[in-house]
Amino acid sequence: MQLAVSEAENPAVGNATSKDNRAKDNRGLLLAIAVLAVAGIAVSAVSLQRHYAKSATAFCELGEKFNCDIVNRSEYSSVMGIPVAGIGVVGYAVLLALATVHRSRVETPLRLLVASAVGLAFALYLTYVEGFVLRTWCLLCLSSLALIAGITVLAGVMKSRS
């Protein structure tokens, strides 16, 4: 004969149940973060290609105020000789690894939040440079900003649940 044990009688049962529910809730968030990170890798890779390209591109030139080539080839497109777009590829790859390979680790929600917040701060700085220093916008950069902002929000939700 087996007796049912309630959460009130045995807190360990309640902890296991709530832990399972949190893991299920986080699966959707981790999947969304992974998808956004893959999109971020793609956007950053195209931007990196444009950084090294010799010819101008038309797909990202929408007049005087929107020109990816100006932004991607400016003096602000590298940090200590490393292309910003390359930093983006690596950063999004780290976020992807955290959301997939390291998803079951207890510290993952905090690491995702910290890493994405740092990425968002860097993207906001670069957006400031675009708007107020270069006075032209890069659609790839703005797309990356939207992706990292989305990842940061999702990571914040996940951290608040854990």
Protein backbone atom coordinates (compact mmCIF):
# COMPACT_ATOMS: atom_id res chain seq x y z
CA MET A 1 0.00 0.00 0.00
CA GLN A 2 1.40 3.34 -1.02
CA LEU A 3 0.61 6.56 0.76
CA ALA A 4 0.43 9.88 -1.04
CA VAL A 5 2.64 12.48 0.52
CA SER A 6 1.54 16.08 0.27
CA GLU A 7 3.83 19.07 -0.08
CA ALA A 8 2.78 20.24 3.39
CA GLU A 9 3.80 16.91 4.97
CA ASN A 10 7.09 16.67 3.12
CA PRO A 11 8.63 19.93 1.86
CA ALA A 12 11.11 17.97 -0.27
CA VAL A 13 8.20 16.84 -2.47
CA GLY A 14 7.12 20.45 -2.94
CA ASN A 15 10.66 21.54 -3.75
CA ALA A 16 11.06 18.81 -6.35
CA THR A 17 7.70 19.69 -7.93
CA SER A 18 8.41 23.41 -8.06
CA LYS A 19 11.91 22.72 -9.40
CA ASP A 20 10.41 20.59 -12.20
CA ASN A 21 7.89 23.34 -13.02
CA ARG A 22 10.64 25.96 -13.14
CA ALA A 23 12.68 23.75 -15.46
CA LYS A 24 9.66 23.37 -17.77
CA ASP A 25 9.00 27.12 -17.69
CA ASN A 26 12.65 27.82 -18.47
CA ARG A 27 12.70 25.46 -21.47
CA GLY A 28 10.62 27.86 -23.53
CA LEU A 29 12.72 30.83 -22.45
CA LEU A 30 15.96 28.98 -23.18
CA LEU A 31 14.67 27.96 -26.61
CA ALA A 32 13.70 31.57 -27.39
CA ILE A 33 17.12 32.79 -26.19
CA ALA A 34 18.84 30.15 -28.34
CA VAL A 35 16.85 31.17 -31.44
CA LEU A 36 17.62 34.86 -30.85
CA ALA A 37 21.31 34.02 -30.29
CA VAL A 38 21.46 32.12 -33.60
CA ALA A 39 19.87 35.13 -35.32
CA GLY A 40 22.45 37.34 -33.58
CA ILE A 41 25.29 35.17 -34.86
CA ALA A 42 23.88 35.45 -38.39
CA VAL A 43 23.46 39.25 -38.22
CA SER A 44 26.92 39.70 -36.71
CA ALA A 45 28.47 37.40 -39.32
CA VAL A 46 26.96 39.45 -42.15
CA SER A 47 28.17 42.61 -40.44
CA LEU A 48 31.65 41.09 -40.08
CA GLN A 49 31.67 40.21 -43.77
CA ARG A 50 30.69 43.82 -44.58
CA HIS A 51 33.49 45.05 -42.30
CA TYR A 52 36.10 43.31 -44.46
CA ALA A 53 34.36 43.75 -47.84
CA LYS A 54 36.09 45.84 -50.45
CA SER A 55 32.95 46.87 -52.33
CA ALA A 56 29.91 48.82 -51.17
CA THR A 57 26.62 47.08 -50.56
CA ALA A 58 23.19 48.26 -51.60
CA PHE A 59 21.01 46.11 -49.34
CA CYS A 60 21.82 48.18 -46.30
CA GLU A 61 21.98 51.60 -47.90
CA LEU A 62 18.69 53.45 -47.61
CA GLY A 63 19.84 56.98 -48.19
CA GLU A 64 22.09 59.28 -46.25
CA LYS A 65 20.84 58.27 -42.79
CA PHE A 66 20.99 54.48 -43.18
CA ASN A 67 24.26 53.02 -44.41
CA CYS A 68 25.85 49.92 -42.88
CA ASP A 69 29.08 50.34 -44.81
CA ILE A 70 29.79 53.72 -43.23
CA VAL A 71 29.21 52.28 -39.75
CA ASN A 72 30.98 48.95 -40.35
CA ARG A 73 34.08 50.62 -41.75
CA SER A 74 34.29 53.54 -39.35
CA GLU A 75 37.01 53.97 -36.73
CA TYR A 76 34.41 52.76 -34.19
CA SER A 77 33.97 49.39 -35.91
CA SER A 78 36.97 47.88 -34.11
CA VAL A 79 38.07 47.68 -30.50
CA MET A 80 41.83 47.22 -30.10
CA GLY A 81 41.97 45.89 -33.65
CA ILE A 82 39.13 43.40 -33.14
CA PRO A 83 36.04 44.04 -35.29
CA VAL A 84 32.96 44.81 -33.21
CA ALA A 85 30.99 42.39 -35.40
CA GLY A 86 33.46 39.62 -34.47
CA ILE A 87 32.90 40.41 -30.81
CA GLY A 88 29.18 40.07 -31.56
CA VAL A 89 29.61 36.63 -33.13
CA VAL A 90 31.55 35.42 -30.09
CA GLY A 91 29.13 37.03 -27.63
CA TYR A 92 26.06 35.50 -29.25
CA ALA A 93 27.87 32.12 -29.40
CA VAL A 94 28.46 32.32 -25.63
CA LEU A 95 24.77 33.10 -25.07
CA LEU A 96 23.82 30.19 -27.34
CA ALA A 97 26.11 27.85 -25.38
CA LEU A 98 24.62 28.98 -22.08
CA ALA A 99 21.07 28.47 -23.38
CA THR A 100 21.78 25.01 -24.79
CA VAL A 101 24.87 23.18 -23.54
CA HIS A 102 24.84 24.69 -20.04
CA ARG A 103 21.05 25.07 -19.65
CA SER A 104 20.71 22.70 -16.69
CA ARG A 105 23.28 24.41 -14.49
CA VAL A 106 21.97 26.34 -11.51
CA GLU A 107 24.08 29.41 -12.30
CA THR A 108 22.95 29.64 -15.94
CA PRO A 109 20.10 32.16 -15.42
CA LEU A 110 22.43 34.61 -13.68
CA ARG A 111 25.20 34.09 -16.25
CA LEU A 112 22.75 34.62 -19.11
CA LEU A 113 21.46 37.81 -17.50
CA VAL A 114 24.92 39.22 -16.82
CA ALA A 115 26.31 38.32 -20.25
CA SER A 116 23.31 39.70 -22.11
CA ALA A 117 23.23 42.87 -19.99
CA VAL A 118 26.90 43.51 -20.81
CA GLY A 119 26.12 42.90 -24.49
CA LEU A 120 23.14 45.25 -24.31
CA ALA A 121 25.21 47.98 -22.67
CA PHE A 122 27.84 47.66 -25.42
CA ALA A 123 25.15 47.70 -28.13
CA LEU A 124 23.57 50.81 -26.60
CA TYR A 125 26.96 52.55 -26.60
CA LEU A 126 27.46 51.63 -30.26
CA THR A 127 23.95 52.87 -31.07
CA TYR A 128 24.82 56.18 -29.40
CA VAL A 129 27.94 56.37 -31.61
CA GLU A 130 25.83 55.68 -34.70
CA GLY A 131 23.27 58.35 -33.91
CA PHE A 132 25.35 61.11 -32.38
CA VAL A 133 28.89 60.67 -33.70
CA LEU A 134 28.56 59.06 -37.13
CA ARG A 135 25.04 60.42 -37.70
CA THR A 136 24.07 57.39 -39.75
CA TRP A 137 22.34 54.17 -38.83
CA CYS A 138 23.19 50.56 -39.61
CA LEU A 139 20.20 48.24 -40.04
CA LEU A 140 22.35 45.25 -39.08
CA CYS A 141 23.45 47.01 -35.90
CA LEU A 142 19.90 48.02 -35.00
CA SER A 143 18.80 44.42 -35.61
CA SER A 144 21.54 43.21 -33.29
CA LEU A 145 20.43 45.75 -30.69
CA ALA A 146 16.87 44.40 -30.86
CA LEU A 147 18.11 40.81 -30.55
CA ILE A 148 20.33 41.45 -27.53
CA ALA A 149 17.56 43.50 -25.88
CA GLY A 150 15.17 40.58 -26.38
CA ILE A 151 17.68 38.12 -24.94
CA THR A 152 18.27 40.38 -21.94
CA VAL A 153 14.53 40.63 -21.22
CA LEU A 154 14.09 36.85 -21.50
CA ALA A 155 17.15 36.24 -19.30
CA GLY A 156 15.71 38.68 -16.74
CA VAL A 157 12.41 36.82 -16.71
CA MET A 158 14.22 33.52 -16.32
CA LYS A 159 16.38 34.85 -13.47
CA SER A 160 13.33 36.25 -11.68
CA ARG A 161 11.70 32.80 -11.82
CA SER A 162 14.73 31.01 -10.38
